[in-house]
Amino acid sequence: NMADLATRLPDVQGTRTVRAAFAFLFVGVGIKMALFPLHLWLPNAYTYAPSAVTAFLAGTATKVAVYVLLRIFLTVFGAAYTFEQMAFDRLLLPLAVAGVVSASVVALYQTDCRRLLAYSSVAQIGYMVLGISLATVTGLTAAIVHLFNHALIKAALFMSIGCVLYRIGSAAISDLNGIAREMPLTMAAFVVGGLSLIGVPLTAGFISKWYLIVGALEKDWWWLAAVVLASSLISVFYVWRIVEAAYFRRPTPGVAPRREAPASLLVPTWLLIAANLYFGIDTSLTAGVAGRAAAALLAGSS
């Protein structure tokens, strides 16, 4: 019982047993959420799993782990113990920055769309951890909002790549040459999802990155705001690689004509895209709720 543990732990928080438990829980949850450098399982899992499974994993698995991290360390251990006694923010910050930068750069060199998006997910998890490491209401709000928004973004992107994979049997970027002419709805969905991943205004991805930058500036961490902006710029380049192949390259000679994806795949994909656009405009159900949750967590409420 989390509430019961939260009332009992203050009496024994100075013991080595509790500190060891804190460390073991962090490593376990860190692996589950694919926090750098515990992320090595994620690229292969996202690349080789069936498309529907990958979309589900991208939208839920690592996000649930972030939620578990918040509940365990801010509800059970408490914000004061976590950030003041254990200096958790000073541990999370370098790991998050390293994850955001390194995963974004590695994504640039991938030749498979699913693997590219997998490394992008590692970077996006880094954004969530950055928000937590700020240890402020604004930073934690950014983390919670991005937890929700990234689930919509990455599920939509993996669904659109799943549509392509369903028709051509490959997710290699080189096999997408000219595919937008034959699968316009699928690739249009990918473009909108890609814009949300980058953080373009009026998309869900913009909201969480805005809060993250504001949180960094509130602490006068201009360098951290620059890291967020630079990594967003890198995401422009790796999203553009797929867009360029689909829209601006000629189809490979000798390839059989390809049809648009079936409605059973397009409808859920576009529902996710519509959600990306809606929550990029109406933030009452995301930032509003996240702000109240962040304030409660930092105040020690469950």
C-alpha atoms as a PDB file:
ATOM      1  CA  ASN A   1       0.000   0.000   0.000  1.00  0.00           C
ATOM      2  CA  MET A   2       1.678   3.199  -1.201  1.00  0.00           C
ATOM      3  CA  ALA A   3      -0.031   5.465   1.315  1.00  0.00           C
ATOM      4  CA  ASP A   4       0.939   3.170   4.186  1.00  0.00           C
ATOM      5  CA  LEU A   5       4.553   2.970   2.996  1.00  0.00           C
ATOM      6  CA  ALA A   6       4.690   6.755   2.663  1.00  0.00           C
ATOM      7  CA  THR A   7       3.754   7.149   6.336  1.00  0.00           C
ATOM      8  CA  ARG A   8       6.154   4.466   7.598  1.00  0.00           C
ATOM      9  CA  LEU A   9       9.275   5.272   5.559  1.00  0.00           C
ATOM     10  CA  PRO A  10      10.186   8.602   7.239  1.00  0.00           C
ATOM     11  CA  ASP A  11      11.054   6.684  10.420  1.00  0.00           C
ATOM     12  CA  VAL A  12      13.693   4.566   8.631  1.00  0.00           C
ATOM     13  CA  GLN A  13      14.762   6.729   5.668  1.00  0.00           C
ATOM     14  CA  GLY A  14      18.278   7.167   6.996  1.00  0.00           C
ATOM     15  CA  THR A  15      19.055   3.439   6.912  1.00  0.00           C
ATOM     16  CA  ARG A  16      21.202   1.736   4.295  1.00  0.00           C
ATOM     17  CA  THR A  17      18.381  -0.719   3.602  1.00  0.00           C
ATOM     18  CA  VAL A  18      16.064   2.021   2.379  1.00  0.00           C
ATOM     19  CA  ARG A  19      18.826   3.593   0.308  1.00  0.00           C
ATOM     20  CA  ALA A  20      19.600   0.226  -1.279  1.00  0.00           C
ATOM     21  CA  ALA A  21      15.902  -0.273  -2.022  1.00  0.00           C
ATOM     22  CA  PHE A  22      15.828   3.214  -3.577  1.00  0.00           C
ATOM     23  CA  ALA A  23      18.764   2.310  -5.844  1.00  0.00           C
ATOM     24  CA  PHE A  24      17.371  -1.088  -6.873  1.00  0.00           C
ATOM     25  CA  LEU A  25      13.970   0.394  -7.662  1.00  0.00           C
ATOM     26  CA  PHE A  26      15.573   3.124  -9.755  1.00  0.00           C
ATOM     27  CA  VAL A  27      17.583   0.645 -11.832  1.00  0.00           C
ATOM     28  CA  GLY A  28      14.582  -1.633 -12.332  1.00  0.00           C
ATOM     29  CA  VAL A  29      12.250   1.156 -13.376  1.00  0.00           C
ATOM     30  CA  GLY A  30      15.037   2.727 -15.464  1.00  0.00           C
ATOM     31  CA  ILE A  31      15.357  -0.451 -17.518  1.00  0.00           C
ATOM     32  CA  LYS A  32      11.601  -0.659 -17.984  1.00  0.00           C
ATOM     33  CA  MET A  33      11.343   2.959 -19.145  1.00  0.00           C
ATOM     34  CA  ALA A  34      14.440   2.654 -21.384  1.00  0.00           C
ATOM     35  CA  LEU A  35      16.315   5.437 -19.627  1.00  0.00           C
ATOM     36  CA  PHE A  36      19.815   6.004 -21.030  1.00  0.00           C
ATOM     37  CA  PRO A  37      22.052   3.970 -20.649  1.00  0.00           C
ATOM     38  CA  LEU A  38      19.551   1.212 -19.764  1.00  0.00           C
ATOM     39  CA  HIS A  39      17.765   1.494 -23.109  1.00  0.00           C
ATOM     40  CA  LEU A  40      19.549  -1.116 -25.207  1.00  0.00           C
ATOM     41  CA  TRP A  41      16.562  -3.476 -25.315  1.00  0.00           C
ATOM     42  CA  LEU A  42      14.211  -0.925 -26.872  1.00  0.00           C
ATOM     43  CA  PRO A  43      15.544  -0.481 -30.459  1.00  0.00           C
ATOM     44  CA  ASN A  44      15.423  -4.215 -31.204  1.00  0.00           C
ATOM     45  CA  ALA A  45      12.041  -4.639 -29.505  1.00  0.00           C
ATOM     46  CA  TYR A  46      10.477  -1.841 -31.567  1.00  0.00           C
ATOM     47  CA  THR A  47      12.166  -2.928 -34.799  1.00  0.00           C
ATOM     48  CA  TYR A  48      11.284  -6.613 -34.820  1.00  0.00           C
ATOM     49  CA  ALA A  49       7.897  -6.675 -33.082  1.00  0.00           C
ATOM     50  CA  PRO A  50       4.741  -6.720 -35.255  1.00  0.00           C
ATOM     51  CA  SER A  51       3.557  -3.230 -36.180  1.00  0.00           C
ATOM     52  CA  ALA A  52       0.441  -3.335 -33.990  1.00  0.00           C
ATOM     53  CA  VAL A  53       2.515  -4.511 -31.031  1.00  0.00           C
ATOM     54  CA  THR A  54       5.128  -1.812 -31.627  1.00  0.00           C
ATOM     55  CA  ALA A  55       2.461   0.915 -31.736  1.00  0.00           C
ATOM     56  CA  PHE A  56       1.031  -0.420 -28.468  1.00  0.00           C
ATOM     57  CA  LEU A  57       4.456  -0.623 -26.809  1.00  0.00           C
ATOM     58  CA  ALA A  58       5.424   2.863 -27.966  1.00  0.00           C
ATOM     59  CA  GLY A  59       2.193   4.293 -26.599  1.00  0.00           C
ATOM     60  CA  THR A  60       2.055   2.482 -23.278  1.00  0.00           C
ATOM     61  CA  ALA A  61       5.024   0.420 -22.043  1.00  0.00           C
ATOM     62  CA  THR A  62       7.665   3.052 -21.344  1.00  0.00           C
ATOM     63  CA  LYS A  63       5.005   5.607 -20.357  1.00  0.00           C
ATOM     64  CA  VAL A  64       3.668   3.326 -17.629  1.00  0.00           C
ATOM     65  CA  ALA A  65       7.236   2.984 -16.347  1.00  0.00           C
ATOM     66  CA  VAL A  66       7.558   6.784 -16.126  1.00  0.00           C
ATOM     67  CA  TYR A  67       4.305   6.862 -14.163  1.00  0.00           C
ATOM     68  CA  VAL A  68       5.657   4.157 -11.844  1.00  0.00           C
ATOM     69  CA  LEU A  69       8.817   6.236 -11.362  1.00  0.00           C
ATOM     70  CA  LEU A  70       6.761   9.251 -10.341  1.00  0.00           C
ATOM     71  CA  ARG A  71       4.519   7.312  -7.984  1.00  0.00           C
ATOM     72  CA  ILE A  72       7.305   5.390  -6.250  1.00  0.00           C
ATOM     73  CA  PHE A  73       9.803   8.196  -5.805  1.00  0.00           C
ATOM     74  CA  LEU A  74       7.442  11.118  -5.229  1.00  0.00           C
ATOM     75  CA  THR A  75       4.533   9.397  -3.490  1.00  0.00           C
ATOM     76  CA  VAL A  76       6.196   6.582  -1.530  1.00  0.00           C
ATOM     77  CA  PHE A  77       9.634   8.068  -0.809  1.00  0.00           C
ATOM     78  CA  GLY A  78       8.410  11.655  -1.021  1.00  0.00           C
ATOM     79  CA  ALA A  79       9.747  14.640  -2.942  1.00  0.00           C
ATOM     80  CA  ALA A  80      11.806  15.939  -0.005  1.00  0.00           C
ATOM     81  CA  TYR A  81      13.677  12.659   0.488  1.00  0.00           C
ATOM     82  CA  THR A  82      14.055  12.014  -3.242  1.00  0.00           C
ATOM     83  CA  PHE A  83      15.389  15.419  -4.258  1.00  0.00           C
ATOM     84  CA  GLU A  84      17.011  16.718  -1.072  1.00  0.00           C
ATOM     85  CA  GLN A  85      18.488  13.718   0.735  1.00  0.00           C
ATOM     86  CA  MET A  86      19.119  11.428  -2.257  1.00  0.00           C
ATOM     87  CA  ALA A  87      19.861  14.261  -4.751  1.00  0.00           C
ATOM     88  CA  PHE A  88      17.844  12.370  -7.345  1.00  0.00           C
ATOM     89  CA  ASP A  89      17.662  15.390  -9.636  1.00  0.00           C
ATOM     90  CA  ARG A  90      21.467  15.535  -9.910  1.00  0.00           C
ATOM     91  CA  LEU A  91      21.490  11.893 -10.986  1.00  0.00           C
ATOM     92  CA  LEU A  92      18.648  12.192 -13.486  1.00  0.00           C
ATOM     93  CA  LEU A  93      19.807  15.391 -15.207  1.00  0.00           C
ATOM     94  CA  PRO A  94      23.051  14.111 -16.819  1.00  0.00           C
ATOM     95  CA  LEU A  95      21.401  10.809 -17.787  1.00  0.00           C
ATOM     96  CA  ALA A  96      18.519  12.664 -19.417  1.00  0.00           C
ATOM     97  CA  VAL A  97      20.766  15.083 -21.323  1.00  0.00           C
ATOM     98  CA  ALA A  98      23.000  12.234 -22.508  1.00  0.00           C
ATOM     99  CA  GLY A  99      19.949  10.268 -23.627  1.00  0.00           C
ATOM    100  CA  VAL A 100      18.377  13.173 -25.492  1.00  0.00           C
ATOM    101  CA  VAL A 101      21.563  14.100 -27.356  1.00  0.00           C
ATOM    102  CA  SER A 102      23.012  10.652 -28.077  1.00  0.00           C
ATOM    103  CA  ALA A 103      19.743   8.983 -29.107  1.00  0.00           C
ATOM    104  CA  SER A 104      18.847  11.904 -31.387  1.00  0.00           C
ATOM    105  CA  VAL A 105      22.230  11.704 -33.113  1.00  0.00           C
ATOM    106  CA  VAL A 106      22.067   7.910 -33.465  1.00  0.00           C
ATOM    107  CA  ALA A 107      18.576   8.201 -34.991  1.00  0.00           C
ATOM    108  CA  LEU A 108      20.069  10.284 -37.805  1.00  0.00           C
ATOM    109  CA  TYR A 109      22.079   7.315 -39.060  1.00  0.00           C
ATOM    110  CA  GLN A 110      19.369   4.646 -39.049  1.00  0.00           C
ATOM    111  CA  THR A 111      18.200   3.107 -42.323  1.00  0.00           C
ATOM    112  CA  ASP A 112      15.047   1.432 -40.967  1.00  0.00           C
ATOM    113  CA  CYS A 113      12.083   3.656 -40.077  1.00  0.00           C
ATOM    114  CA  ARG A 114      11.124   1.617 -37.030  1.00  0.00           C
ATOM    115  CA  ARG A 115      14.649   1.645 -35.642  1.00  0.00           C
ATOM    116  CA  LEU A 116      14.879   5.381 -36.282  1.00  0.00           C
ATOM    117  CA  LEU A 117      11.653   5.947 -34.347  1.00  0.00           C
ATOM    118  CA  ALA A 118      12.883   3.636 -31.582  1.00  0.00           C
ATOM    119  CA  TYR A 119      15.972   5.758 -30.956  1.00  0.00           C
ATOM    120  CA  SER A 120      13.763   8.822 -31.156  1.00  0.00           C
ATOM    121  CA  SER A 121      11.696   7.303 -28.333  1.00  0.00           C
ATOM    122  CA  VAL A 122      14.812   7.034 -26.166  1.00  0.00           C
ATOM    123  CA  ALA A 123      15.388  10.756 -26.730  1.00  0.00           C
ATOM    124  CA  GLN A 124      11.761  11.558 -25.914  1.00  0.00           C
ATOM    125  CA  ILE A 125      12.000   9.585 -22.670  1.00  0.00           C
ATOM    126  CA  GLY A 126      14.988  11.795 -21.938  1.00  0.00           C
ATOM    127  CA  TYR A 127      12.695  14.838 -22.236  1.00  0.00           C
ATOM    128  CA  MET A 128      10.364  13.373 -19.613  1.00  0.00           C
ATOM    129  CA  VAL A 129      13.259  12.689 -17.262  1.00  0.00           C
ATOM    130  CA  LEU A 130      14.579  16.212 -17.873  1.00  0.00           C
ATOM    131  CA  GLY A 131      11.273  17.568 -16.650  1.00  0.00           C
ATOM    132  CA  ILE A 132      11.427  15.410 -13.516  1.00  0.00           C
ATOM    133  CA  SER A 133      15.035  16.449 -12.854  1.00  0.00           C
ATOM    134  CA  LEU A 134      14.016  20.118 -12.702  1.00  0.00           C
ATOM    135  CA  ALA A 135      12.154  19.276  -9.463  1.00  0.00           C
ATOM    136  CA  THR A 136       9.690  22.126 -10.025  1.00  0.00           C
ATOM    137  CA  VAL A 137       5.975  22.236 -10.746  1.00  0.00           C
ATOM    138  CA  THR A 138       6.592  23.492 -14.289  1.00  0.00           C
ATOM    139  CA  GLY A 139       9.220  20.845 -14.992  1.00  0.00           C
ATOM    140  CA  LEU A 140       7.101  18.041 -13.609  1.00  0.00           C
ATOM    141  CA  THR A 141       4.120  19.356 -15.575  1.00  0.00           C
ATOM    142  CA  ALA A 142       6.241  19.138 -18.729  1.00  0.00           C
ATOM    143  CA  ALA A 143       7.165  15.534 -17.918  1.00  0.00           C
ATOM    144  CA  ILE A 144       3.565  14.456 -17.332  1.00  0.00           C
ATOM    145  CA  VAL A 145       2.254  16.281 -20.407  1.00  0.00           C
ATOM    146  CA  HIS A 146       4.981  14.770 -22.578  1.00  0.00           C
ATOM    147  CA  LEU A 147       4.192  11.336 -21.175  1.00  0.00           C
ATOM    148  CA  PHE A 148       0.679  11.647 -22.603  1.00  0.00           C
ATOM    149  CA  ASN A 149       1.541  13.547 -25.777  1.00  0.00           C
ATOM    150  CA  HIS A 150       4.402  11.291 -26.785  1.00  0.00           C
ATOM    151  CA  ALA A 151       2.123   8.268 -26.455  1.00  0.00           C
ATOM    152  CA  LEU A 152      -0.143   9.833 -29.089  1.00  0.00           C
ATOM    153  CA  ILE A 153       2.752  10.955 -31.285  1.00  0.00           C
ATOM    154  CA  LYS A 154       4.723   7.741 -31.395  1.00  0.00           C
ATOM    155  CA  ALA A 155       1.673   5.479 -31.670  1.00  0.00           C
ATOM    156  CA  ALA A 156       0.556   7.503 -34.708  1.00  0.00           C
ATOM    157  CA  LEU A 157       3.997   7.358 -36.315  1.00  0.00           C
ATOM    158  CA  PHE A 158       4.377   3.619 -35.794  1.00  0.00           C
ATOM    159  CA  MET A 159       0.858   3.052 -37.121  1.00  0.00           C
ATOM    160  CA  SER A 160       1.665   4.997 -40.284  1.00  0.00           C
ATOM    161  CA  ILE A 161       4.873   3.021 -40.789  1.00  0.00           C
ATOM    162  CA  GLY A 162       2.831  -0.114 -40.111  1.00  0.00           C
ATOM    163  CA  CYS A 163       0.541   0.872 -43.000  1.00  0.00           C
ATOM    164  CA  VAL A 164       3.562   1.111 -45.298  1.00  0.00           C
ATOM    165  CA  LEU A 165       4.950  -2.171 -44.020  1.00  0.00           C
ATOM    166  CA  TYR A 166       1.582  -3.837 -44.639  1.00  0.00           C
ATOM    167  CA  ARG A 167       1.639  -2.844 -48.312  1.00  0.00           C
ATOM    168  CA  ILE A 168       5.303  -3.129 -49.300  1.00  0.00           C
ATOM    169  CA  GLY A 169       6.674  -5.527 -46.679  1.00  0.00           C
ATOM    170  CA  SER A 170       9.580  -3.274 -45.724  1.00  0.00           C
ATOM    171  CA  ALA A 171      10.264  -0.323 -43.436  1.00  0.00           C
ATOM    172  CA  ALA A 172      13.653   0.538 -44.951  1.00  0.00           C
ATOM    173  CA  ILE A 173      13.884   4.208 -45.867  1.00  0.00           C
ATOM    174  CA  SER A 174      15.313   3.315 -49.287  1.00  0.00           C
ATOM    175  CA  ASP A 175      12.166   1.291 -50.072  1.00  0.00           C
ATOM    176  CA  LEU A 176       9.911   4.289 -49.424  1.00  0.00           C
ATOM    177  CA  ASN A 177      11.025   6.161 -52.549  1.00  0.00           C
ATOM    178  CA  GLY A 178       7.957   7.814 -54.100  1.00  0.00           C
ATOM    179  CA  ILE A 179       5.548   5.996 -51.788  1.00  0.00           C
ATOM    180  CA  ALA A 180       3.589   9.192 -51.047  1.00  0.00           C
ATOM    181  CA  ARG A 181       2.193   9.181 -54.592  1.00  0.00           C
ATOM    182  CA  GLU A 182       0.601   5.785 -54.027  1.00  0.00           C
ATOM    183  CA  MET A 183      -0.151   6.047 -50.286  1.00  0.00           C
ATOM    184  CA  PRO A 184      -0.951   9.758 -49.825  1.00  0.00           C
ATOM    185  CA  LEU A 185      -3.156   9.369 -46.738  1.00  0.00           C
ATOM    186  CA  THR A 186      -0.614   7.219 -44.943  1.00  0.00           C
ATOM    187  CA  MET A 187       2.282   9.548 -45.601  1.00  0.00           C
ATOM    188  CA  ALA A 188       0.216  12.641 -44.803  1.00  0.00           C
ATOM    189  CA  ALA A 189      -0.438  11.090 -41.396  1.00  0.00           C
ATOM    190  CA  PHE A 190       3.283  10.489 -40.966  1.00  0.00           C
ATOM    191  CA  VAL A 191       4.080  14.108 -41.860  1.00  0.00           C
ATOM    192  CA  VAL A 192       1.640  15.500 -39.287  1.00  0.00           C
ATOM    193  CA  GLY A 193       2.921  13.051 -36.675  1.00  0.00           C
ATOM    194  CA  GLY A 194       6.473  14.050 -37.534  1.00  0.00           C
ATOM    195  CA  LEU A 195       5.630  17.726 -37.056  1.00  0.00           C
ATOM    196  CA  SER A 196       4.230  16.895 -33.632  1.00  0.00           C
ATOM    197  CA  LEU A 197       7.377  14.936 -32.776  1.00  0.00           C
ATOM    198  CA  ILE A 198       9.496  17.950 -33.744  1.00  0.00           C
ATOM    199  CA  GLY A 199       7.305  20.232 -31.637  1.00  0.00           C
ATOM    200  CA  VAL A 200       5.718  22.509 -34.223  1.00  0.00           C
ATOM    201  CA  PRO A 201       3.071  24.894 -32.775  1.00  0.00           C
ATOM    202  CA  LEU A 202      -0.562  23.692 -32.850  1.00  0.00           C
ATOM    203  CA  THR A 203       0.559  20.104 -32.286  1.00  0.00           C
ATOM    204  CA  ALA A 204       0.675  18.150 -29.029  1.00  0.00           C
ATOM    205  CA  GLY A 205       4.460  17.896 -29.116  1.00  0.00           C
ATOM    206  CA  PHE A 206       4.826  21.672 -28.941  1.00  0.00           C
ATOM    207  CA  ILE A 207       2.982  21.949 -25.621  1.00  0.00           C
ATOM    208  CA  SER A 208       5.246  19.665 -23.604  1.00  0.00           C
ATOM    209  CA  LYS A 209       8.441  21.094 -25.090  1.00  0.00           C
ATOM    210  CA  TRP A 210       7.192  24.598 -24.332  1.00  0.00           C
ATOM    211  CA  TYR A 211       6.661  23.713 -20.676  1.00  0.00           C
ATOM    212  CA  LEU A 212      10.069  22.039 -20.560  1.00  0.00           C
ATOM    213  CA  ILE A 213      11.827  25.114 -21.938  1.00  0.00           C
ATOM    214  CA  VAL A 214       9.882  27.398 -19.583  1.00  0.00           C
ATOM    215  CA  GLY A 215      10.854  25.168 -16.658  1.00  0.00           C
ATOM    216  CA  ALA A 216      14.521  25.357 -17.655  1.00  0.00           C
ATOM    217  CA  LEU A 217      14.386  29.140 -18.003  1.00  0.00           C
ATOM    218  CA  GLU A 218      12.696  29.494 -14.605  1.00  0.00           C
ATOM    219  CA  LYS A 219      15.857  27.981 -13.097  1.00  0.00           C
ATOM    220  CA  ASP A 220      18.072  30.118 -15.369  1.00  0.00           C
ATOM    221  CA  TRP A 221      19.332  26.977 -17.086  1.00  0.00           C
ATOM    222  CA  TRP A 222      19.695  28.511 -20.524  1.00  0.00           C
ATOM    223  CA  TRP A 223      21.992  25.715 -21.601  1.00  0.00           C
ATOM    224  CA  LEU A 224      19.245  23.153 -20.947  1.00  0.00           C
ATOM    225  CA  ALA A 225      16.762  25.123 -23.036  1.00  0.00           C
ATOM    226  CA  ALA A 226      19.395  25.154 -25.787  1.00  0.00           C
ATOM    227  CA  VAL A 227      19.765  21.359 -25.521  1.00  0.00           C
ATOM    228  CA  VAL A 228      16.006  20.914 -25.958  1.00  0.00           C
ATOM    229  CA  LEU A 229      15.968  23.225 -28.986  1.00  0.00           C
ATOM    230  CA  ALA A 230      19.044  21.574 -30.528  1.00  0.00           C
ATOM    231  CA  SER A 231      17.622  18.078 -30.142  1.00  0.00           C
ATOM    232  CA  SER A 232      14.363  19.270 -31.701  1.00  0.00           C
ATOM    233  CA  LEU A 233      16.392  20.567 -34.635  1.00  0.00           C
ATOM    234  CA  ILE A 234      18.047  17.153 -34.981  1.00  0.00           C
ATOM    235  CA  SER A 235      14.599  15.558 -35.082  1.00  0.00           C
ATOM    236  CA  VAL A 236      13.792  17.772 -38.075  1.00  0.00           C
ATOM    237  CA  PHE A 237      16.630  16.117 -39.978  1.00  0.00           C
ATOM    238  CA  TYR A 238      15.741  12.510 -39.229  1.00  0.00           C
ATOM    239  CA  VAL A 239      12.028  13.047 -39.896  1.00  0.00           C
ATOM    240  CA  TRP A 240      12.970  14.805 -43.129  1.00  0.00           C
ATOM    241  CA  ARG A 241      14.912  11.739 -44.313  1.00  0.00           C
ATOM    242  CA  ILE A 242      11.675   9.744 -44.458  1.00  0.00           C
ATOM    243  CA  VAL A 243       9.643  12.622 -45.902  1.00  0.00           C
ATOM    244  CA  GLU A 244      12.268  13.234 -48.589  1.00  0.00           C
ATOM    245  CA  ALA A 245      12.247   9.587 -49.667  1.00  0.00           C
ATOM    246  CA  ALA A 246       8.454   9.417 -49.777  1.00  0.00           C
ATOM    247  CA  TYR A 247       7.758  12.739 -51.508  1.00  0.00           C
ATOM    248  CA  PHE A 248      10.830  13.856 -53.424  1.00  0.00           C
ATOM    249  CA  ARG A 249      12.423  10.697 -54.790  1.00  0.00           C
ATOM    250  CA  ARG A 250      11.271   8.739 -57.794  1.00  0.00           C
ATOM    251  CA  PRO A 251       9.923   5.230 -57.229  1.00  0.00           C
ATOM    252  CA  THR A 252      12.468   2.466 -57.708  1.00  0.00           C
ATOM    253  CA  PRO A 253      12.241   1.162 -61.316  1.00  0.00           C
ATOM    254  CA  GLY A 254      10.545  -2.214 -61.668  1.00  0.00           C
ATOM    255  CA  VAL A 255       8.582  -1.988 -58.425  1.00  0.00           C
ATOM    256  CA  ALA A 256       4.983  -3.160 -58.728  1.00  0.00           C
ATOM    257  CA  PRO A 257       2.242  -0.543 -58.174  1.00  0.00           C
ATOM    258  CA  ARG A 258       1.231  -0.187 -54.533  1.00  0.00           C
ATOM    259  CA  ARG A 259      -2.154   0.692 -53.060  1.00  0.00           C
ATOM    260  CA  GLU A 260      -3.216   2.813 -50.129  1.00  0.00           C
ATOM    261  CA  ALA A 261      -3.471   1.080 -46.765  1.00  0.00           C
ATOM    262  CA  PRO A 262      -6.859  -0.411 -45.818  1.00  0.00           C
ATOM    263  CA  ALA A 263      -9.349   1.610 -43.786  1.00  0.00           C
ATOM    264  CA  SER A 264      -8.855  -0.701 -40.801  1.00  0.00           C
ATOM    265  CA  LEU A 265      -5.333   0.733 -40.481  1.00  0.00           C
ATOM    266  CA  LEU A 266      -5.943   4.267 -41.724  1.00  0.00           C
ATOM    267  CA  VAL A 267      -8.852   5.079 -39.398  1.00  0.00           C
ATOM    268  CA  PRO A 268      -7.005   4.448 -36.095  1.00  0.00           C
ATOM    269  CA  THR A 269      -3.922   6.170 -37.501  1.00  0.00           C
ATOM    270  CA  TRP A 270      -5.859   9.310 -38.351  1.00  0.00           C
ATOM    271  CA  LEU A 271      -7.719   9.244 -35.042  1.00  0.00           C
ATOM    272  CA  LEU A 272      -4.334   9.435 -33.327  1.00  0.00           C
ATOM    273  CA  ILE A 273      -3.295  12.264 -35.652  1.00  0.00           C
ATOM    274  CA  ALA A 274      -6.531  14.120 -34.883  1.00  0.00           C
ATOM    275  CA  ALA A 275      -5.786  13.738 -31.170  1.00  0.00           C
ATOM    276  CA  ASN A 276      -2.312  15.197 -31.759  1.00  0.00           C
ATOM    277  CA  LEU A 277      -3.867  18.270 -33.330  1.00  0.00           C
ATOM    278  CA  TYR A 278      -6.673  18.617 -30.784  1.00  0.00           C
ATOM    279  CA  PHE A 279      -4.404  18.424 -27.749  1.00  0.00           C
ATOM    280  CA  GLY A 280      -2.055  20.876 -29.422  1.00  0.00           C
ATOM    281  CA  ILE A 281      -4.862  23.450 -29.259  1.00  0.00           C
ATOM    282  CA  ASP A 282      -6.914  22.525 -26.183  1.00  0.00           C
ATOM    283  CA  THR A 283      -4.531  21.949 -23.293  1.00  0.00           C
ATOM    284  CA  SER A 284      -7.078  21.908 -20.469  1.00  0.00           C
ATOM    285  CA  LEU A 285      -7.132  18.108 -20.347  1.00  0.00           C
ATOM    286  CA  THR A 286      -3.354  17.757 -20.545  1.00  0.00           C
ATOM    287  CA  ALA A 287      -1.439  20.708 -19.131  1.00  0.00           C
ATOM    288  CA  GLY A 288      -4.263  21.648 -16.774  1.00  0.00           C
ATOM    289  CA  VAL A 289      -4.542  18.202 -15.213  1.00  0.00           C
ATOM    290  CA  ALA A 290      -0.761  17.683 -15.307  1.00  0.00           C
ATOM    291  CA  GLY A 291      -0.157  20.958 -13.472  1.00  0.00           C
ATOM    292  CA  ARG A 292      -2.438  19.953 -10.625  1.00  0.00           C
ATOM    293  CA  ALA A 293      -0.877  16.492 -10.463  1.00  0.00           C
ATOM    294  CA  ALA A 294       2.636  17.972 -10.413  1.00  0.00           C
ATOM    295  CA  ALA A 295       1.767  20.332  -7.574  1.00  0.00           C
ATOM    296  CA  ALA A 296       0.253  17.462  -5.580  1.00  0.00           C
ATOM    297  CA  LEU A 297       3.261  15.188  -6.127  1.00  0.00           C
ATOM    298  CA  LEU A 298       5.779  17.818  -5.063  1.00  0.00           C
ATOM    299  CA  ALA A 299       3.650  18.686  -2.053  1.00  0.00           C
ATOM    300  CA  GLY A 300       3.738  15.058  -0.945  1.00  0.00           C
ATOM    301  CA  SER A 301       0.142  14.192  -1.769  1.00  0.00           C
ATOM    302  CA  SER A 302      -0.818  10.929  -3.485  1.00  0.00           C
END
